[in-house]
C-alpha atoms as a PDB file:
ATOM      1  CA  MET A   1     -19.542   8.778 -48.819  1.00  0.00           C
ATOM      2  CA  THR A   2     -18.154   8.872 -45.312  1.00  0.00           C
ATOM      3  CA  TYR A   3     -20.746   8.927 -42.549  1.00  0.00           C
ATOM      4  CA  ALA A   4     -20.397  11.823 -40.107  1.00  0.00           C
ATOM      5  CA  PRO A   5     -22.281  11.530 -36.809  1.00  0.00           C
ATOM      6  CA  SER A   6     -24.605  14.343 -35.883  1.00  0.00           C
ATOM      7  CA  ILE A   7     -23.946  16.637 -32.959  1.00  0.00           C
ATOM      8  CA  GLU A   8     -26.739  14.890 -31.045  1.00  0.00           C
ATOM      9  CA  GLU A   9     -25.195  11.459 -31.690  1.00  0.00           C
ATOM     10  CA  THR A  10     -21.789  12.725 -30.634  1.00  0.00           C
ATOM     11  CA  LEU A  11     -23.209  14.103 -27.386  1.00  0.00           C
ATOM     12  CA  VAL A  12     -25.046  10.867 -26.653  1.00  0.00           C
ATOM     13  CA  PHE A  13     -21.862   8.876 -27.268  1.00  0.00           C
ATOM     14  CA  ALA A  14     -19.841  11.222 -25.024  1.00  0.00           C
ATOM     15  CA  GLU A  15     -22.440  10.941 -22.271  1.00  0.00           C
ATOM     16  CA  SER A  16     -22.426   7.138 -22.535  1.00  0.00           C
ATOM     17  CA  GLN A  17     -18.621   7.132 -22.243  1.00  0.00           C
ATOM     18  CA  ILE A  18     -18.785   9.372 -19.185  1.00  0.00           C
ATOM     19  CA  ALA A  19     -21.376   7.066 -17.622  1.00  0.00           C
ATOM     20  CA  ALA A  20     -19.231   4.007 -18.411  1.00  0.00           C
ATOM     21  CA  ASP A  21     -16.152   5.637 -16.903  1.00  0.00           C
ATOM     22  CA  GLU A  22     -18.114   6.606 -13.793  1.00  0.00           C
ATOM     23  CA  ALA A  23     -19.473   3.067 -13.488  1.00  0.00           C
ATOM     24  CA  ALA A  24     -15.945   1.694 -13.771  1.00  0.00           C
ATOM     25  CA  ARG A  25     -14.730   4.052 -11.035  1.00  0.00           C
ATOM     26  CA  THR A  26     -17.676   3.104  -8.823  1.00  0.00           C
ATOM     27  CA  SER A  27     -17.017  -0.583  -9.435  1.00  0.00           C
ATOM     28  CA  ALA A  28     -13.332  -0.169  -8.581  1.00  0.00           C
ATOM     29  CA  ALA A  29     -14.193   1.752  -5.421  1.00  0.00           C
ATOM     30  CA  SER A  30     -16.697  -0.891  -4.336  1.00  0.00           C
ATOM     31  CA  SER A  31     -14.081  -3.626  -4.740  1.00  0.00           C
ATOM     32  CA  LEU A  32     -11.709  -1.939  -2.312  1.00  0.00           C
ATOM     33  CA  ALA A  33     -11.438  -3.717   1.001  1.00  0.00           C
ATOM     34  CA  GLU A  34     -12.370  -2.644   4.498  1.00  0.00           C
ATOM     35  CA  LEU A  35     -10.136  -4.067   7.230  1.00  0.00           C
ATOM     36  CA  LYS A  36     -11.354  -4.016  10.818  1.00  0.00           C
ATOM     37  CA  ALA A  37      -9.637  -5.007  14.050  1.00  0.00           C
ATOM     38  CA  VAL A  38     -12.004  -5.845  16.881  1.00  0.00           C
ATOM     39  CA  ASP A  39     -10.746  -6.043  20.484  1.00  0.00           C
ATOM     40  CA  VAL A  40      -7.293  -7.252  19.428  1.00  0.00           C
ATOM     41  CA  SER A  41      -4.961  -8.176  22.272  1.00  0.00           C
ATOM     42  CA  ALA A  42      -1.495  -9.661  21.788  1.00  0.00           C
ATOM     43  CA  TRP A  43       1.106 -11.375  23.944  1.00  0.00           C
ATOM     44  CA  PHE A  44       4.703 -12.495  23.664  1.00  0.00           C
ATOM     45  CA  GLY A  45       4.727 -15.297  26.189  1.00  0.00           C
ATOM     46  CA  GLU A  46       3.346 -13.786  29.409  1.00  0.00           C
ATOM     47  CA  HIS A  47       4.071 -10.219  28.284  1.00  0.00           C
ATOM     48  CA  LYS A  48       0.958  -8.456  27.005  1.00  0.00           C
ATOM     49  CA  VAL A  49       1.774  -5.864  24.339  1.00  0.00           C
ATOM     50  CA  LEU A  50      -1.670  -4.860  23.036  1.00  0.00           C
ATOM     51  CA  GLU A  51      -4.901  -4.329  24.986  1.00  0.00           C
ATOM     52  CA  ARG A  52      -8.257  -4.680  23.188  1.00  0.00           C
ATOM     53  CA  VAL A  53      -7.379  -2.548  20.165  1.00  0.00           C
ATOM     54  CA  SER A  54     -10.249  -1.817  17.783  1.00  0.00           C
ATOM     55  CA  LEU A  55      -9.761   0.086  14.529  1.00  0.00           C
ATOM     56  CA  THR A  56     -11.502   0.301  11.159  1.00  0.00           C
ATOM     57  CA  MET A  57      -9.218   0.885   8.172  1.00  0.00           C
ATOM     58  CA  ALA A  58     -11.408   2.342   5.448  1.00  0.00           C
ATOM     59  CA  PRO A  59     -11.473   1.034   1.855  1.00  0.00           C
ATOM     60  CA  GLY A  60      -9.068   2.765  -0.505  1.00  0.00           C
ATOM     61  CA  LYS A  61      -7.684   5.001   2.233  1.00  0.00           C
ATOM     62  CA  ILE A  62      -4.235   5.299   3.795  1.00  0.00           C
ATOM     63  CA  THR A  63      -4.282   4.731   7.552  1.00  0.00           C
ATOM     64  CA  ALA A  64      -1.168   5.749   9.507  1.00  0.00           C
ATOM     65  CA  LEU A  65      -0.299   4.108  12.810  1.00  0.00           C
ATOM     66  CA  ILE A  66       1.734   6.506  14.921  1.00  0.00           C
ATOM     67  CA  GLY A  67       3.154   6.481  18.448  1.00  0.00           C
ATOM     68  CA  PRO A  68       6.462   6.127  20.310  1.00  0.00           C
ATOM     69  CA  SER A  69       8.647   3.002  20.082  1.00  0.00           C
ATOM     70  CA  GLY A  70       7.398   0.028  22.075  1.00  0.00           C
ATOM     71  CA  CYS A  71       3.698   0.875  21.976  1.00  0.00           C
ATOM     72  CA  GLY A  72       2.695  -2.099  19.792  1.00  0.00           C
ATOM     73  CA  LYS A  73       2.265  -0.530  16.334  1.00  0.00           C
ATOM     74  CA  SER A  74       4.386  -3.050  14.451  1.00  0.00           C
ATOM     75  CA  THR A  75       2.935  -5.955  16.456  1.00  0.00           C
ATOM     76  CA  PHE A  76      -0.556  -4.751  15.533  1.00  0.00           C
ATOM     77  CA  LEU A  77       0.489  -4.555  11.875  1.00  0.00           C
ATOM     78  CA  ARG A  78       1.730  -8.144  11.976  1.00  0.00           C
ATOM     79  CA  VAL A  79      -1.480  -9.307  13.631  1.00  0.00           C
ATOM     80  CA  LEU A  80      -3.355  -7.894  10.628  1.00  0.00           C
ATOM     81  CA  ASN A  81      -1.894 -10.502   8.242  1.00  0.00           C
ATOM     82  CA  ARG A  82      -1.244 -13.390  10.624  1.00  0.00           C
ATOM     83  CA  MET A  83       2.504 -12.907  10.940  1.00  0.00           C
ATOM     84  CA  HIS A  84       2.337 -12.498  14.730  1.00  0.00           C
ATOM     85  CA  GLU A  85       1.529 -16.168  15.158  1.00  0.00           C
ATOM     86  CA  LEU A  86       4.884 -17.123  13.581  1.00  0.00           C
ATOM     87  CA  VAL A  87       6.734 -15.871  16.673  1.00  0.00           C
ATOM     88  CA  PRO A  88       7.357 -18.714  19.163  1.00  0.00           C
ATOM     89  CA  GLY A  89       5.234 -18.187  22.274  1.00  0.00           C
ATOM     90  CA  ALA A  90       3.156 -15.438  20.705  1.00  0.00           C
ATOM     91  CA  SER A  91      -0.615 -15.426  21.125  1.00  0.00           C
ATOM     92  CA  LEU A  92      -3.535 -13.101  20.489  1.00  0.00           C
ATOM     93  CA  GLY A  93      -7.201 -12.515  21.061  1.00  0.00           C
ATOM     94  CA  GLY A  94      -9.906 -10.648  19.155  1.00  0.00           C
ATOM     95  CA  GLU A  95     -10.823 -10.598  15.483  1.00  0.00           C
ATOM     96  CA  VAL A  96      -9.436  -9.190  12.233  1.00  0.00           C
ATOM     97  CA  ILE A  97     -12.264  -8.770   9.763  1.00  0.00           C
ATOM     98  CA  LEU A  98     -11.612  -8.408   6.022  1.00  0.00           C
ATOM     99  CA  ASP A  99     -14.832  -7.525   4.212  1.00  0.00           C
ATOM    100  CA  GLY A 100     -16.958  -9.277   6.829  1.00  0.00           C
ATOM    101  CA  GLU A 101     -14.806 -12.397   7.272  1.00  0.00           C
ATOM    102  CA  ASP A 102     -12.491 -13.070  10.214  1.00  0.00           C
ATOM    103  CA  ILE A 103      -9.067 -13.974   8.776  1.00  0.00           C
ATOM    104  CA  TYR A 104      -8.403 -16.019  11.933  1.00  0.00           C
ATOM    105  CA  ASP A 105     -11.441 -18.213  11.347  1.00  0.00           C
ATOM    106  CA  ALA A 106     -10.463 -21.891  11.130  1.00  0.00           C
ATOM    107  CA  THR A 107     -11.826 -22.072   7.574  1.00  0.00           C
ATOM    108  CA  VAL A 108      -9.460 -19.338   6.302  1.00  0.00           C
ATOM    109  CA  ARG A 109      -6.094 -20.666   5.143  1.00  0.00           C
ATOM    110  CA  ILE A 110      -3.068 -18.637   6.244  1.00  0.00           C
ATOM    111  CA  THR A 111      -1.781 -18.492   2.649  1.00  0.00           C
ATOM    112  CA  ARG A 112      -5.036 -16.916   1.543  1.00  0.00           C
ATOM    113  CA  ALA A 113      -4.921 -14.353   4.356  1.00  0.00           C
ATOM    114  CA  ARG A 114      -1.388 -13.310   3.393  1.00  0.00           C
ATOM    115  CA  ARG A 115      -2.297 -13.160  -0.285  1.00  0.00           C
ATOM    116  CA  ASP A 116      -5.184 -10.819   0.490  1.00  0.00           C
ATOM    117  CA  ILE A 117      -3.180  -8.748   2.998  1.00  0.00           C
ATOM    118  CA  GLY A 118       0.372  -8.102   1.736  1.00  0.00           C
ATOM    119  CA  MET A 119       3.335  -6.651   3.628  1.00  0.00           C
ATOM    120  CA  VAL A 120       6.210  -4.308   2.765  1.00  0.00           C
ATOM    121  CA  PHE A 121       8.917  -4.331   5.405  1.00  0.00           C
ATOM    122  CA  GLN A 122      11.169  -1.647   6.851  1.00  0.00           C
ATOM    123  CA  LYS A 123      14.250  -2.988   5.100  1.00  0.00           C
ATOM    124  CA  PRO A 124      13.941  -3.669   1.348  1.00  0.00           C
ATOM    125  CA  ASN A 125      14.162  -7.412   0.719  1.00  0.00           C
ATOM    126  CA  PRO A 126      14.231  -8.157  -3.035  1.00  0.00           C
ATOM    127  CA  PHE A 127      15.483 -11.586  -4.032  1.00  0.00           C
ATOM    128  CA  PRO A 128      19.067 -10.587  -4.969  1.00  0.00           C
ATOM    129  CA  ALA A 129      19.748 -13.497  -7.328  1.00  0.00           C
ATOM    130  CA  MET A 130      16.546 -12.865  -9.296  1.00  0.00           C
ATOM    131  CA  SER A 131      16.182 -10.313 -12.044  1.00  0.00           C
ATOM    132  CA  ILE A 132      13.863  -7.328 -11.664  1.00  0.00           C
ATOM    133  CA  ARG A 133      11.266  -9.105 -13.790  1.00  0.00           C
ATOM    134  CA  GLU A 134      11.595 -12.361 -11.807  1.00  0.00           C
ATOM    135  CA  ASN A 135      11.201 -10.468  -8.537  1.00  0.00           C
ATOM    136  CA  VAL A 136       7.870  -9.037  -9.659  1.00  0.00           C
ATOM    137  CA  LEU A 137       6.639 -12.422 -10.833  1.00  0.00           C
ATOM    138  CA  ALA A 138       7.884 -14.346  -7.789  1.00  0.00           C
ATOM    139  CA  GLY A 139       4.504 -14.159  -6.078  1.00  0.00           C
ATOM    140  CA  LEU A 140       2.813 -16.028  -8.941  1.00  0.00           C
ATOM    141  CA  LYS A 141       4.922 -19.105  -8.182  1.00  0.00           C
ATOM    142  CA  LEU A 142       4.208 -18.903  -4.472  1.00  0.00           C
ATOM    143  CA  THR A 143       0.441 -18.662  -5.052  1.00  0.00           C
ATOM    144  CA  GLY A 144       0.451 -21.261  -7.831  1.00  0.00           C
ATOM    145  CA  LYS A 145      -1.096 -18.900 -10.394  1.00  0.00           C
ATOM    146  CA  LYS A 146      -0.317 -19.671 -14.029  1.00  0.00           C
ATOM    147  CA  ALA A 147       0.014 -16.944 -16.645  1.00  0.00           C
ATOM    148  CA  GLY A 148       1.063 -16.717 -20.262  1.00  0.00           C
ATOM    149  CA  ASN A 149       4.005 -14.641 -21.432  1.00  0.00           C
ATOM    150  CA  ASP A 150       1.837 -11.750 -22.612  1.00  0.00           C
ATOM    151  CA  GLU A 151      -0.014 -11.693 -19.285  1.00  0.00           C
ATOM    152  CA  LYS A 152       3.286 -11.767 -17.404  1.00  0.00           C
ATOM    153  CA  ASP A 153       4.666  -8.898 -19.493  1.00  0.00           C
ATOM    154  CA  HIS A 154       1.566  -6.831 -18.782  1.00  0.00           C
ATOM    155  CA  LEU A 155       1.694  -7.673 -15.075  1.00  0.00           C
ATOM    156  CA  VAL A 156       5.364  -6.698 -14.776  1.00  0.00           C
ATOM    157  CA  GLU A 157       4.772  -3.371 -16.491  1.00  0.00           C
ATOM    158  CA  HIS A 158       1.597  -2.620 -14.513  1.00  0.00           C
ATOM    159  CA  CYS A 159       3.126  -3.455 -11.139  1.00  0.00           C
ATOM    160  CA  LEU A 160       6.352  -1.563 -11.806  1.00  0.00           C
ATOM    161  CA  LYS A 161       4.269   1.443 -12.803  1.00  0.00           C
ATOM    162  CA  LEU A 162       2.297   1.125  -9.563  1.00  0.00           C
ATOM    163  CA  GLY A 163       5.620   1.003  -7.738  1.00  0.00           C
ATOM    164  CA  GLY A 164       6.824   4.131  -9.555  1.00  0.00           C
ATOM    165  CA  LEU A 165       9.767   2.210 -10.999  1.00  0.00           C
ATOM    166  CA  TRP A 166       8.857   1.358 -14.603  1.00  0.00           C
ATOM    167  CA  ASN A 167      10.516   4.293 -16.339  1.00  0.00           C
ATOM    168  CA  GLU A 168      13.765   3.692 -14.446  1.00  0.00           C
ATOM    169  CA  VAL A 169      14.103  -0.042 -15.185  1.00  0.00           C
ATOM    170  CA  LYS A 170      12.048  -0.828 -18.311  1.00  0.00           C
ATOM    171  CA  ASP A 171      15.224  -1.236 -20.419  1.00  0.00           C
ATOM    172  CA  ARG A 172      16.957  -3.562 -17.927  1.00  0.00           C
ATOM    173  CA  LEU A 173      14.305  -5.919 -16.615  1.00  0.00           C
ATOM    174  CA  ASP A 174      16.790  -8.809 -16.688  1.00  0.00           C
ATOM    175  CA  ALA A 175      19.271  -7.002 -14.392  1.00  0.00           C
ATOM    176  CA  PRO A 176      19.549  -8.333 -10.808  1.00  0.00           C
ATOM    177  CA  GLY A 177      17.027  -6.825  -8.383  1.00  0.00           C
ATOM    178  CA  GLY A 178      19.766  -6.634  -5.766  1.00  0.00           C
ATOM    179  CA  GLY A 179      21.691  -4.197  -7.959  1.00  0.00           C
ATOM    180  CA  LEU A 180      19.145  -1.402  -7.541  1.00  0.00           C
ATOM    181  CA  SER A 181      19.523   1.474  -5.097  1.00  0.00           C
ATOM    182  CA  GLY A 182      17.826   1.211  -1.705  1.00  0.00           C
ATOM    183  CA  GLY A 183      14.867   3.335  -2.743  1.00  0.00           C
ATOM    184  CA  GLN A 184      14.476   1.416  -5.991  1.00  0.00           C
ATOM    185  CA  GLN A 185      14.650  -1.895  -4.124  1.00  0.00           C
ATOM    186  CA  GLN A 186      11.838  -0.788  -1.830  1.00  0.00           C
ATOM    187  CA  ARG A 187       9.701   0.173  -4.830  1.00  0.00           C
ATOM    188  CA  LEU A 188      10.505  -3.204  -6.395  1.00  0.00           C
ATOM    189  CA  CYS A 189       9.246  -4.868  -3.216  1.00  0.00           C
ATOM    190  CA  ILE A 190       6.056  -2.827  -3.496  1.00  0.00           C
ATOM    191  CA  ALA A 191       5.660  -3.928  -7.131  1.00  0.00           C
ATOM    192  CA  ARG A 192       6.268  -7.543  -6.094  1.00  0.00           C
ATOM    193  CA  SER A 193       3.600  -7.259  -3.400  1.00  0.00           C
ATOM    194  CA  MET A 194       1.073  -5.825  -5.862  1.00  0.00           C
ATOM    195  CA  ALA A 195       1.637  -8.616  -8.398  1.00  0.00           C
ATOM    196  CA  ILE A 196      -0.553 -11.012  -6.423  1.00  0.00           C
ATOM    197  CA  LYS A 197      -3.302  -8.380  -6.255  1.00  0.00           C
ATOM    198  CA  PRO A 198      -3.732  -7.996  -2.487  1.00  0.00           C
ATOM    199  CA  ARG A 199      -6.815  -6.340  -1.049  1.00  0.00           C
ATOM    200  CA  VAL A 200      -4.772  -4.586   1.652  1.00  0.00           C
ATOM    201  CA  LEU A 201      -1.116  -3.521   1.730  1.00  0.00           C
ATOM    202  CA  LEU A 202       0.643  -3.161   5.096  1.00  0.00           C
ATOM    203  CA  MET A 203       3.807  -1.028   5.215  1.00  0.00           C
ATOM    204  CA  ASP A 204       6.105  -1.118   8.247  1.00  0.00           C
ATOM    205  CA  GLU A 205       8.185   2.092   8.225  1.00  0.00           C
ATOM    206  CA  PRO A 206       8.930   1.665   4.496  1.00  0.00           C
ATOM    207  CA  CYS A 207      10.957   4.885   4.227  1.00  0.00           C
ATOM    208  CA  SER A 208      12.935   4.825   7.483  1.00  0.00           C
ATOM    209  CA  ALA A 209      16.175   3.755   5.764  1.00  0.00           C
ATOM    210  CA  LEU A 210      15.751   5.912   2.649  1.00  0.00           C
ATOM    211  CA  ASP A 211      17.009   9.341   1.605  1.00  0.00           C
ATOM    212  CA  PRO A 212      14.535  12.238   1.239  1.00  0.00           C
ATOM    213  CA  THR A 213      14.286  11.898  -2.541  1.00  0.00           C
ATOM    214  CA  SER A 214      13.445   8.189  -2.373  1.00  0.00           C
ATOM    215  CA  THR A 215      11.015   8.882   0.465  1.00  0.00           C
ATOM    216  CA  ARG A 216       9.184  11.461  -1.658  1.00  0.00           C
ATOM    217  CA  VAL A 217       8.867   8.999  -4.562  1.00  0.00           C
ATOM    218  CA  ILE A 218       7.528   6.249  -2.265  1.00  0.00           C
ATOM    219  CA  GLU A 219       4.987   8.663  -0.782  1.00  0.00           C
ATOM    220  CA  GLU A 220       3.813   9.597  -4.278  1.00  0.00           C
ATOM    221  CA  THR A 221       3.624   5.881  -5.072  1.00  0.00           C
ATOM    222  CA  MET A 222       1.398   5.279  -2.048  1.00  0.00           C
ATOM    223  CA  HIS A 223      -1.201   7.732  -3.320  1.00  0.00           C
ATOM    224  CA  THR A 224      -1.272   5.867  -6.639  1.00  0.00           C
ATOM    225  CA  LEU A 225      -1.564   2.512  -4.891  1.00  0.00           C
ATOM    226  CA  ALA A 226      -4.524   3.693  -2.827  1.00  0.00           C
ATOM    227  CA  GLU A 227      -6.603   3.674  -6.012  1.00  0.00           C
ATOM    228  CA  GLU A 228      -6.264  -0.119  -6.047  1.00  0.00           C
ATOM    229  CA  VAL A 229      -5.623  -1.217  -2.478  1.00  0.00           C
ATOM    230  CA  THR A 230      -6.304  -0.236   1.137  1.00  0.00           C
ATOM    231  CA  ILE A 231      -3.054   0.838   2.830  1.00  0.00           C
ATOM    232  CA  VAL A 232      -1.957   0.730   6.476  1.00  0.00           C
ATOM    233  CA  ILE A 233       1.433   2.279   7.286  1.00  0.00           C
ATOM    234  CA  VAL A 234       3.477   2.425  10.489  1.00  0.00           C
ATOM    235  CA  THR A 235       5.615   5.559  10.644  1.00  0.00           C
ATOM    236  CA  HIS A 236       7.568   7.490  13.256  1.00  0.00           C
ATOM    237  CA  ASN A 237       7.745  10.494  10.929  1.00  0.00           C
ATOM    238  CA  MET A 238       4.941  12.855  11.876  1.00  0.00           C
ATOM    239  CA  GLN A 239       5.404  14.956   8.732  1.00  0.00           C
ATOM    240  CA  GLN A 240       5.060  11.824   6.639  1.00  0.00           C
ATOM    241  CA  ALA A 241       1.910  10.733   8.476  1.00  0.00           C
ATOM    242  CA  ALA A 242       0.405  14.182   7.899  1.00  0.00           C
ATOM    243  CA  ARG A 243       1.373  14.148   4.199  1.00  0.00           C
ATOM    244  CA  VAL A 244       0.295  10.698   3.113  1.00  0.00           C
ATOM    245  CA  SER A 245      -2.511   9.441   5.344  1.00  0.00           C
ATOM    246  CA  ASP A 246      -6.253   9.984   5.240  1.00  0.00           C
ATOM    247  CA  GLN A 247      -6.794   8.711   8.744  1.00  0.00           C
ATOM    248  CA  CYS A 248      -4.563   8.173  11.713  1.00  0.00           C
ATOM    249  CA  ALA A 249      -4.406   6.095  14.931  1.00  0.00           C
ATOM    250  CA  PHE A 250      -2.231   7.114  17.874  1.00  0.00           C
ATOM    251  CA  PHE A 251      -0.896   4.189  19.938  1.00  0.00           C
ATOM    252  CA  LEU A 252       0.543   4.602  23.403  1.00  0.00           C
ATOM    253  CA  ALA A 253       1.889   2.325  26.134  1.00  0.00           C
ATOM    254  CA  SER A 254       2.921   3.846  29.434  1.00  0.00           C
ATOM    255  CA  HIS A 255       4.498   2.565  32.668  1.00  0.00           C
ATOM    256  CA  GLY A 256       4.744  -1.016  31.438  1.00  0.00           C
ATOM    257  CA  THR A 257       1.088  -1.273  30.392  1.00  0.00           C
ATOM    258  CA  PRO A 258       0.055  -2.805  27.044  1.00  0.00           C
ATOM    259  CA  GLY A 259      -0.349  -0.590  23.989  1.00  0.00           C
ATOM    260  CA  VAL A 260      -3.752   0.969  23.372  1.00  0.00           C
ATOM    261  CA  ILE A 261      -5.203   3.417  20.856  1.00  0.00           C
ATOM    262  CA  VAL A 262      -5.522   6.800  22.546  1.00  0.00           C
ATOM    263  CA  GLU A 263      -7.197   8.490  19.598  1.00  0.00           C
ATOM    264  CA  HIS A 264      -8.030   7.818  15.972  1.00  0.00           C
ATOM    265  CA  GLY A 265      -9.785   9.631  13.169  1.00  0.00           C
ATOM    266  CA  ASP A 266      -9.294  11.985  10.248  1.00  0.00           C
ATOM    267  CA  THR A 267      -5.609  12.903   9.913  1.00  0.00           C
ATOM    268  CA  ALA A 268      -6.203  16.621   9.482  1.00  0.00           C
ATOM    269  CA  ALA A 269      -8.296  16.679  12.660  1.00  0.00           C
ATOM    270  CA  MET A 270      -5.786  14.560  14.573  1.00  0.00           C
ATOM    271  CA  PHE A 271      -2.971  16.968  13.761  1.00  0.00           C
ATOM    272  CA  GLY A 272      -4.990  20.176  13.769  1.00  0.00           C
ATOM    273  CA  SER A 273      -7.343  19.775  16.709  1.00  0.00           C
ATOM    274  CA  PRO A 274      -6.739  16.493  18.566  1.00  0.00           C
ATOM    275  CA  ARG A 275      -9.239  15.579  21.268  1.00  0.00           C
ATOM    276  CA  ASP A 276      -6.695  14.115  23.692  1.00  0.00           C
ATOM    277  CA  GLU A 277      -3.889  16.180  25.227  1.00  0.00           C
ATOM    278  CA  ARG A 278      -1.476  13.253  24.860  1.00  0.00           C
ATOM    279  CA  THR A 279      -2.112  13.198  21.100  1.00  0.00           C
ATOM    280  CA  ALA A 280      -1.426  16.927  20.884  1.00  0.00           C
ATOM    281  CA  ASP A 281       1.835  16.516  22.822  1.00  0.00           C
ATOM    282  CA  TYR A 282       2.982  13.657  20.582  1.00  0.00           C
ATOM    283  CA  VAL A 283       2.167  15.118  17.163  1.00  0.00           C
ATOM    284  CA  ASN A 284       3.781  18.407  18.204  1.00  0.00           C
ATOM    285  CA  GLY A 285       7.002  16.687  19.267  1.00  0.00           C
ATOM    286  CA  ARG A 286       6.737  17.225  23.010  1.00  0.00           C
ATOM    287  CA  PHE A 287       7.507  13.573  23.698  1.00  0.00           C
ATOM    288  CA  GLY A 288       8.276  10.340  21.867  1.00  0.00           C
END
């Protein structure tokens, strides 16, 4: 005789599943990273480009950095994962804190900092001689992580889904990554970045060279990614900043002075009722 659970047992089981799902969501949320810049200044030689910039980028949120060209947004982004120091003559001051630890502390290896804080660049840069699958897995070799074939297969599928690309390429994973369209290449780069499981993903104008359709797909992808990673994006597109970000920081440099943050906060408030007149002028297209 087949056992049939009672209504009470079914309800208890359902409640336990709901509680387990909620615990999983809470656990995932608690593992998301907070990134904080504290009094960051930056120089190229004698030229100071950032002046004591402080900003908290909240866990699991999308933070947009906006402002006219030359105000230090991209430099600030590169400071956040220790790429600024690669430029000859470049220097910086201040701290970048990832979950309570300064990534510039002498005990933190640069490879670890860049594994935890990934970067997607303005121009898509897949490895053209590698297949789509090899592109996604490239980070494993660079970080020295070993994985079995089943784990690799799962990772490729998961990351391509995060990048919004799986359904388009799942039947041609051995095709060259360089043969994809520009928008697909950018999503492949996102998938490649996610394969090493960063805590934070930095995106430097990732849609500036893409058509509107590809831009829309990348923006949708960003909302999916924010469930797993904290995102910081530089964009000159005010409509994009308003669409995709949860919080916003407005950078400005005037009359040869270093870049500073004029205003930062909730995106809706920044665009709807900014506190500073310069912010209102910029987001409404009156300069920049």
